[in-house]
Amino acid sequence: MPFSLLFACITSSEKDSSHEEDINPLNWNVNQAGPYRTGYTSVEETYTDFAGEERTITVNIWYPTDDEEGDIGVYVGYLEDENVLLNARISDSVHEDGYPLFIFSHGSFGYGGNSPFLMHHLTSHGFVVLAPDHKGNSVLDYGEDQVPMIKIWRVQDNQASISALNQMEWSEQVNTENIVLSGHSFGSWDNWLLGGGILDSNALDTFCTSETEFSRPCTDAEREAFGKDFTDERIKGIVPMAGAKYFEWFAENGRSNLSIPVYQMSGTDDVDDPQRIFDENESTPLRWLEIQGGCHQTFALGACPNISNEDAFRITKVYNLAFAREVLFGDDSMTPLLDGDDNQEFVEVYK
């Protein structure tokens, strides 16, 4: 019997009821669930990595649905999510340019459905959400050796997820040219690189010739792969969460001059260094949200000692959605919230 994840169900009183009478999704309250339920499916996608090897991953896909019942979704073969409907019918998009697209990258030894509360909230507001299971660094690979390519596979997995949409009959209705990318912990590595971050070639030479970072040195093909420009112009904004680290990997000012907006999230009880990212910034359109009492798992599994899951998950999902609306639709009504001007509990924003 699959293990059942415990997530709070959304009651009708908590949902925005404007689906029938108001088809402008920018009028929906980001603090409430939108009018849709969450449909879910997963597909396999194969691509050739930058070292020339073929790789197949599982891509999780969540989307808005009006279906009321059906089979529940299961992640990585055994984790049930009672708040998603497997292979449900997708609702008609109420966004002029098609379904807006949001990608999530899980942390080390996590899985695509690691932050289901985020997927539920986004799809309830009409978004399609993708999240690859990063094979080689997922919960199914716990304890296995970490090879050099994992730092490249993660980046390419996110891009392959976009290609995986072609397997859906409604794929042409998804806007794949304007995307928000979010990630937790190791998932923020993907965010920074796809958003335009620059790696330090000297550091790469050091890491690739030693066994301190990986289980073995890099092959020549792997070292060459690290020299790629990973920037993806389809990514219009990133949300690195608990991911202010990897300083030794990035060139001096390698994350200080991105051309796209960055909404950095952190917790006061975590051990990363968001202050350094903030202090070193030059021209990146950067805002930093810090959650009082937030720990490393604030954005994923929760169970932080100094903040409830209810508050941690609420902040995570509301601000991700607000940022996506601001970036993808130019929704400046989200700016006071994102700037911290409305004094939300547990939240401090620096800009």
Protein backbone atom coordinates (compact mmCIF):
# COMPACT_ATOMS: atom_id res chain seq x y z
CA MET A 1 0.00 0.00 0.00
CA PRO A 2 1.53 3.38 -1.01
CA PHE A 3 2.48 5.72 1.80
CA SER A 4 0.05 8.66 1.98
CA LEU A 5 1.38 12.20 2.24
CA LEU A 6 -0.43 14.32 4.79
CA PHE A 7 -1.50 17.67 3.33
CA ALA A 8 -4.33 19.93 4.37
CA CYS A 9 -7.25 19.77 1.97
CA ILE A 10 -8.63 22.99 0.55
CA THR A 11 -12.21 23.56 1.59
CA SER A 12 -14.65 25.43 -0.59
CA SER A 13 -14.71 28.34 1.85
CA GLU A 14 -10.96 28.85 1.36
CA LYS A 15 -11.16 28.96 -2.42
CA ASP A 16 -11.64 32.00 -4.60
CA SER A 17 -15.12 31.55 -6.03
CA SER A 18 -14.73 33.90 -9.02
CA HIS A 19 -14.23 31.14 -11.62
CA GLU A 20 -17.75 31.37 -13.05
CA GLU A 21 -18.37 35.09 -13.00
CA ASP A 22 -14.91 36.59 -13.48
CA ILE A 23 -12.47 35.17 -16.00
CA ASN A 24 -9.65 37.61 -15.27
CA PRO A 25 -7.24 35.48 -13.18
CA LEU A 26 -5.33 38.57 -12.07
CA ASN A 27 -8.36 39.47 -9.98
CA TRP A 28 -8.03 36.29 -7.95
CA ASN A 29 -6.63 36.69 -4.46
CA VAL A 30 -3.13 35.17 -4.25
CA ASN A 31 -3.68 34.48 -0.55
CA GLN A 32 -6.54 32.11 -1.38
CA ALA A 33 -6.67 29.00 -3.51
CA GLY A 34 -7.98 29.69 -7.00
CA PRO A 35 -11.08 28.06 -8.51
CA TYR A 36 -9.43 24.94 -9.97
CA ARG A 37 -8.52 21.55 -8.61
CA THR A 38 -5.17 19.98 -9.46
CA GLY A 39 -4.74 17.43 -12.22
CA TYR A 40 -1.55 15.40 -12.36
CA THR A 41 0.37 13.07 -14.62
CA SER A 42 3.98 12.03 -15.19
CA VAL A 43 5.87 11.14 -18.35
CA GLU A 44 9.31 9.84 -19.29
CA GLU A 45 11.56 12.15 -21.31
CA THR A 46 14.85 11.20 -22.98
CA TYR A 47 17.51 13.68 -24.05
CA THR A 48 21.24 13.79 -24.86
CA ASP A 49 23.29 15.47 -22.15
CA PHE A 50 26.16 17.90 -22.76
CA ALA A 51 28.67 15.06 -22.42
CA GLY A 52 26.99 13.21 -25.29
CA GLU A 53 25.20 10.55 -23.23
CA GLU A 54 21.51 9.64 -23.42
CA ARG A 55 19.51 10.27 -20.25
CA THR A 56 15.88 9.43 -19.38
CA ILE A 57 14.06 11.16 -16.54
CA THR A 58 10.57 11.29 -15.07
CA VAL A 59 8.80 14.62 -15.44
CA ASN A 60 5.90 15.45 -13.12
CA ILE A 61 3.16 17.63 -14.60
CA TRP A 62 0.42 19.42 -12.63
CA TYR A 63 -2.35 21.43 -14.28
CA PRO A 64 -5.75 23.01 -13.53
CA THR A 65 -8.82 20.82 -13.76
CA ASP A 66 -12.55 21.12 -13.09
CA ASP A 67 -12.87 17.39 -12.42
CA GLU A 68 -14.27 16.61 -8.99
CA GLU A 69 -13.13 13.02 -8.55
CA GLY A 70 -10.76 10.40 -9.88
CA ASP A 71 -7.70 8.38 -8.93
CA ILE A 72 -5.15 10.14 -6.75
CA GLY A 73 -1.61 10.85 -7.91
CA VAL A 74 1.48 8.98 -6.71
CA TYR A 75 5.02 10.39 -6.72
CA VAL A 76 8.18 8.28 -7.21
CA GLY A 77 6.08 5.14 -7.16
CA TYR A 78 4.89 5.19 -3.56
CA LEU A 79 4.09 8.67 -2.19
CA GLU A 80 0.39 9.46 -2.54
CA ASP A 81 -0.96 12.99 -2.83
CA GLU A 82 -4.67 12.93 -2.07
CA ASN A 83 -5.09 16.48 -3.37
CA VAL A 84 -4.31 15.71 -7.01
CA LEU A 85 -6.37 13.81 -9.58
CA LEU A 86 -4.45 11.45 -11.83
CA ASN A 87 -4.88 12.04 -15.58
CA ALA A 88 -7.78 14.44 -15.03
CA ARG A 89 -9.09 16.59 -17.87
CA ILE A 90 -7.37 19.97 -18.12
CA SER A 91 -9.53 23.07 -17.71
CA ASP A 92 -9.72 25.69 -20.45
CA SER A 93 -7.07 28.34 -19.96
CA VAL A 94 -8.35 31.78 -19.00
CA HIS A 95 -5.00 33.40 -19.80
CA GLU A 96 -4.84 35.11 -23.19
CA ASP A 97 -1.46 33.63 -24.16
CA GLY A 98 -2.26 30.13 -22.97
CA TYR A 99 -1.44 28.33 -19.76
CA PRO A 100 1.38 30.11 -17.88
CA LEU A 101 4.29 27.79 -17.09
CA PHE A 102 6.11 27.38 -13.78
CA ILE A 103 9.01 24.94 -13.20
CA PHE A 104 10.20 23.67 -9.83
CA SER A 105 13.55 21.98 -9.11
CA HIS A 106 13.74 19.84 -5.98
CA GLY A 107 16.60 19.70 -3.50
CA SER A 108 19.26 17.05 -3.08
CA PHE A 109 17.74 13.56 -2.71
CA GLY A 110 14.24 14.99 -2.99
CA TYR A 111 11.63 14.45 -5.70
CA GLY A 112 9.52 16.52 -8.07
CA GLY A 113 6.50 16.50 -5.76
CA ASN A 114 8.60 17.63 -2.80
CA SER A 115 6.57 20.84 -2.30
CA PRO A 116 3.03 19.77 -3.26
CA PHE A 117 1.37 22.71 -1.50
CA LEU A 118 3.11 24.94 -4.07
CA MET A 119 1.85 22.91 -7.03
CA HIS A 120 -1.71 22.89 -5.65
CA HIS A 121 -1.72 26.65 -5.22
CA LEU A 122 -0.30 27.46 -8.64
CA THR A 123 -2.56 25.10 -10.55
CA SER A 124 -5.59 26.39 -8.65
CA HIS A 125 -4.76 29.75 -10.23
CA GLY A 126 -4.53 28.32 -13.75
CA PHE A 127 -0.81 27.50 -14.04
CA VAL A 128 0.81 24.43 -15.52
CA VAL A 129 3.68 23.28 -13.29
CA LEU A 130 6.59 21.00 -14.21
CA ALA A 131 9.07 19.34 -11.87
CA PRO A 132 11.58 16.68 -12.95
CA ASP A 133 12.74 13.91 -10.65
CA HIS A 134 16.50 14.52 -10.86
CA LYS A 135 17.65 10.95 -11.42
CA GLY A 136 20.94 10.30 -9.66
CA ASN A 137 20.06 12.82 -6.96
CA SER A 138 16.47 11.91 -6.03
CA VAL A 139 15.02 10.14 -3.01
CA LEU A 140 15.32 6.90 -4.97
CA ASP A 141 19.10 7.39 -5.24
CA TYR A 142 19.82 8.18 -1.60
CA GLY A 143 23.30 7.08 -0.60
CA GLU A 144 24.58 6.61 -4.14
CA ASP A 145 27.80 8.21 -5.39
CA GLN A 146 27.39 11.71 -6.83
CA VAL A 147 29.09 11.95 -10.21
CA PRO A 148 30.22 15.28 -11.75
CA MET A 149 27.40 15.34 -14.31
CA ILE A 150 24.72 15.71 -11.62
CA LYS A 151 25.42 19.44 -11.56
CA ILE A 152 24.80 19.60 -15.30
CA TRP A 153 22.00 17.04 -15.49
CA ARG A 154 19.93 19.08 -13.08
CA VAL A 155 20.06 22.10 -15.37
CA GLN A 156 19.25 20.07 -18.47
CA ASP A 157 16.49 18.15 -16.68
CA ASN A 158 14.55 21.38 -16.29
CA GLN A 159 14.89 22.14 -19.99
CA ALA A 160 13.94 18.57 -20.90
CA SER A 161 10.81 19.03 -18.79
CA ILE A 162 9.66 21.71 -21.21
CA SER A 163 10.17 19.31 -24.11
CA ALA A 164 8.19 16.66 -22.21
CA LEU A 165 5.09 18.81 -22.59
CA ASN A 166 4.99 17.75 -26.25
CA GLN A 167 3.60 14.44 -25.03
CA MET A 168 0.45 16.21 -23.81
CA GLU A 169 -2.31 16.76 -26.35
CA TRP A 170 -2.77 20.29 -25.01
CA SER A 171 0.93 21.22 -25.16
CA GLU A 172 0.50 23.89 -27.83
CA GLN A 173 -1.72 25.83 -25.44
CA VAL A 174 1.12 26.26 -22.91
CA ASN A 175 3.23 29.41 -23.10
CA THR A 176 6.74 27.92 -23.06
CA GLU A 177 8.50 31.13 -24.04
CA ASN A 178 7.87 32.94 -20.74
CA ILE A 179 8.60 30.81 -17.67
CA VAL A 180 9.25 31.29 -13.97
CA LEU A 181 11.71 28.82 -12.42
CA SER A 182 11.84 28.10 -8.70
CA GLY A 183 14.03 25.70 -6.75
CA HIS A 184 14.76 24.50 -3.24
CA SER A 185 18.30 24.04 -1.91
CA PHE A 186 20.31 22.23 -4.65
CA GLY A 187 17.46 23.21 -6.95
CA SER A 188 18.60 26.82 -6.64
CA TRP A 189 21.84 25.84 -8.40
CA ASP A 190 19.73 25.17 -11.50
CA ASN A 191 17.96 28.50 -11.03
CA TRP A 192 21.12 30.56 -10.91
CA LEU A 193 22.66 28.89 -13.98
CA LEU A 194 19.55 28.93 -16.18
CA GLY A 195 19.00 32.53 -15.10
CA GLY A 196 22.42 33.62 -16.36
CA GLY A 197 24.89 32.88 -13.56
CA ILE A 198 28.56 32.47 -14.52
CA LEU A 199 30.80 29.71 -13.19
CA ASP A 200 34.47 30.18 -12.26
CA SER A 201 36.64 28.24 -14.76
CA ASN A 202 39.55 27.99 -12.32
CA ALA A 203 37.26 26.53 -9.65
CA LEU A 204 35.91 24.06 -12.18
CA ASP A 205 39.43 22.87 -12.96
CA THR A 206 40.03 22.32 -9.25
CA PHE A 207 36.78 20.49 -8.59
CA CYS A 208 37.08 18.37 -11.73
CA THR A 209 40.55 17.08 -10.89
CA SER A 210 39.87 16.23 -7.26
CA GLU A 211 37.52 13.83 -5.50
CA THR A 212 36.44 16.24 -2.77
CA GLU A 213 33.23 17.31 -4.50
CA PHE A 214 32.37 14.20 -6.51
CA SER A 215 32.91 10.46 -6.29
CA ARG A 216 35.49 10.68 -9.11
CA PRO A 217 37.27 13.29 -11.23
CA CYS A 218 35.59 14.69 -14.36
CA THR A 219 36.15 13.11 -17.73
CA ASP A 220 37.32 15.43 -20.52
CA ALA A 221 33.76 15.49 -21.90
CA GLU A 222 32.35 16.41 -18.50
CA ARG A 223 34.87 19.21 -17.97
CA GLU A 224 33.98 20.58 -21.38
CA ALA A 225 30.30 20.37 -20.51
CA PHE A 226 30.85 22.58 -17.45
CA GLY A 227 32.10 25.29 -19.81
CA LYS A 228 28.71 25.71 -21.50
CA ASP A 229 26.60 28.82 -21.22
CA PHE A 230 23.53 27.49 -19.43
CA THR A 231 21.42 30.65 -19.77
CA ASP A 232 17.92 29.93 -21.03
CA GLU A 233 16.18 32.99 -22.45
CA ARG A 234 12.76 31.42 -21.83
CA ILE A 235 13.31 31.80 -18.09
CA LYS A 236 12.01 35.26 -17.18
CA GLY A 237 12.46 35.13 -13.40
CA ILE A 238 13.84 32.79 -10.74
CA VAL A 239 13.01 32.00 -7.11
CA PRO A 240 16.03 30.35 -5.41
CA MET A 241 14.86 29.13 -1.99
CA ALA A 242 17.36 28.15 0.73
CA GLY A 243 19.96 28.36 -2.03
CA ALA A 244 22.36 31.18 -1.15
CA LYS A 245 25.43 28.96 -1.37
CA TYR A 246 27.83 27.46 -3.97
CA PHE A 247 29.96 30.62 -3.72
CA GLU A 248 33.15 28.70 -4.52
CA TRP A 249 31.66 27.56 -7.84
CA PHE A 250 30.64 30.94 -9.21
CA ALA A 251 32.94 33.53 -10.74
CA GLU A 252 33.44 36.78 -8.87
CA ASN A 253 30.15 38.64 -9.31
CA GLY A 254 28.89 35.59 -11.20
CA ARG A 255 25.40 36.03 -9.74
CA SER A 256 25.50 39.79 -9.31
CA ASN A 257 24.57 40.89 -12.82
CA LEU A 258 21.69 38.74 -14.02
CA SER A 259 19.35 40.45 -16.45
CA ILE A 260 16.18 38.82 -15.08
CA PRO A 261 14.46 39.43 -11.72
CA VAL A 262 15.41 37.22 -8.78
CA TYR A 263 13.24 36.68 -5.72
CA GLN A 264 15.55 35.05 -3.19
CA MET A 265 13.89 33.30 -0.24
CA SER A 266 15.60 32.17 2.95
CA GLY A 267 14.94 31.33 6.59
CA THR A 268 16.61 32.86 9.62
CA ASP A 269 17.27 29.38 11.07
CA ASP A 270 19.06 28.06 7.96
CA VAL A 271 22.81 27.93 7.36
CA ASP A 272 23.08 29.42 3.86
CA ASP A 273 24.28 33.00 3.36
CA PRO A 274 21.62 35.15 1.65
CA GLN A 275 23.18 38.28 3.14
CA ARG A 276 26.29 37.70 1.02
CA ILE A 277 24.23 37.39 -2.17
CA PHE A 278 22.48 40.62 -1.25
CA ASP A 279 25.67 42.49 -0.33
CA GLU A 280 27.57 41.41 -3.45
CA ASN A 281 24.75 42.24 -5.85
CA GLU A 282 25.46 44.85 -8.52
CA SER A 283 22.76 45.05 -11.20
CA THR A 284 20.61 41.93 -10.75
CA PRO A 285 16.97 42.95 -10.09
CA LEU A 286 17.11 41.23 -6.69
CA ARG A 287 14.74 41.13 -3.76
CA TRP A 288 15.36 38.98 -0.71
CA LEU A 289 12.55 37.60 1.44
CA GLU A 290 13.61 36.21 4.82
CA ILE A 291 11.21 34.10 6.87
CA GLN A 292 11.55 34.56 10.62
CA GLY A 293 12.00 31.12 12.18
CA GLY A 294 12.33 29.47 8.79
CA CYS A 295 14.65 26.45 8.54
CA HIS A 296 16.05 24.67 5.49
CA GLN A 297 12.88 22.64 4.94
CA THR A 298 10.55 25.65 5.19
CA PHE A 299 10.05 25.40 1.42
CA ALA A 300 9.65 21.63 1.14
CA LEU A 301 8.98 19.12 3.92
CA GLY A 302 8.48 21.65 6.70
CA ALA A 303 8.75 20.58 10.38
CA CYS A 304 10.77 23.64 11.38
CA PRO A 305 10.86 24.09 15.18
CA ASN A 306 10.17 27.84 15.15
CA ILE A 307 7.46 28.23 12.52
CA SER A 308 4.40 26.13 11.75
CA ASN A 309 4.01 24.29 8.46
CA GLU A 310 0.84 26.30 7.88
CA ASP A 311 2.72 29.61 8.01
CA ALA A 312 5.84 28.37 6.20
CA PHE A 313 3.90 26.83 3.33
CA ARG A 314 1.54 29.80 3.08
CA ILE A 315 4.43 32.22 2.65
CA THR A 316 6.20 29.99 0.14
CA LYS A 317 3.22 29.45 -2.13
CA VAL A 318 1.78 32.96 -1.95
CA TYR A 319 5.04 34.74 -2.77
CA ASN A 320 5.96 32.32 -5.56
CA LEU A 321 2.57 32.94 -7.17
CA ALA A 322 2.78 36.70 -6.66
CA PHE A 323 6.26 36.80 -8.23
CA ALA A 324 5.07 34.72 -11.19
CA ARG A 325 2.16 37.10 -11.76
CA GLU A 326 4.43 40.12 -11.60
CA VAL A 327 7.03 38.62 -13.96
CA LEU A 328 4.80 36.88 -16.49
CA PHE A 329 1.88 39.33 -16.62
CA GLY A 330 3.38 42.63 -15.43
CA ASP A 331 0.94 42.52 -12.53
CA ASP A 332 2.11 45.52 -10.49
CA SER A 333 -0.65 44.92 -7.94
CA MET A 334 1.70 42.23 -6.59
CA THR A 335 4.57 44.67 -6.02
CA PRO A 336 3.58 45.92 -2.54
CA LEU A 337 3.36 42.32 -1.31
CA LEU A 338 6.65 41.34 -2.94
CA ASP A 339 8.36 44.47 -1.62
CA GLY A 340 7.24 43.69 1.92
CA ASP A 341 5.24 46.90 2.21
CA ASP A 342 2.17 45.21 3.70
CA ASN A 343 3.96 43.88 6.80
CA GLN A 344 3.09 40.20 6.49
CA GLU A 345 3.73 38.18 9.65
CA PHE A 346 7.08 36.29 9.73
CA VAL A 347 8.29 38.08 6.58
CA GLU A 348 11.07 40.61 6.06
CA VAL A 349 11.90 41.79 2.54
CA TYR A 350 15.13 43.53 1.52
CA LYS A 351 15.54 45.28 -1.80
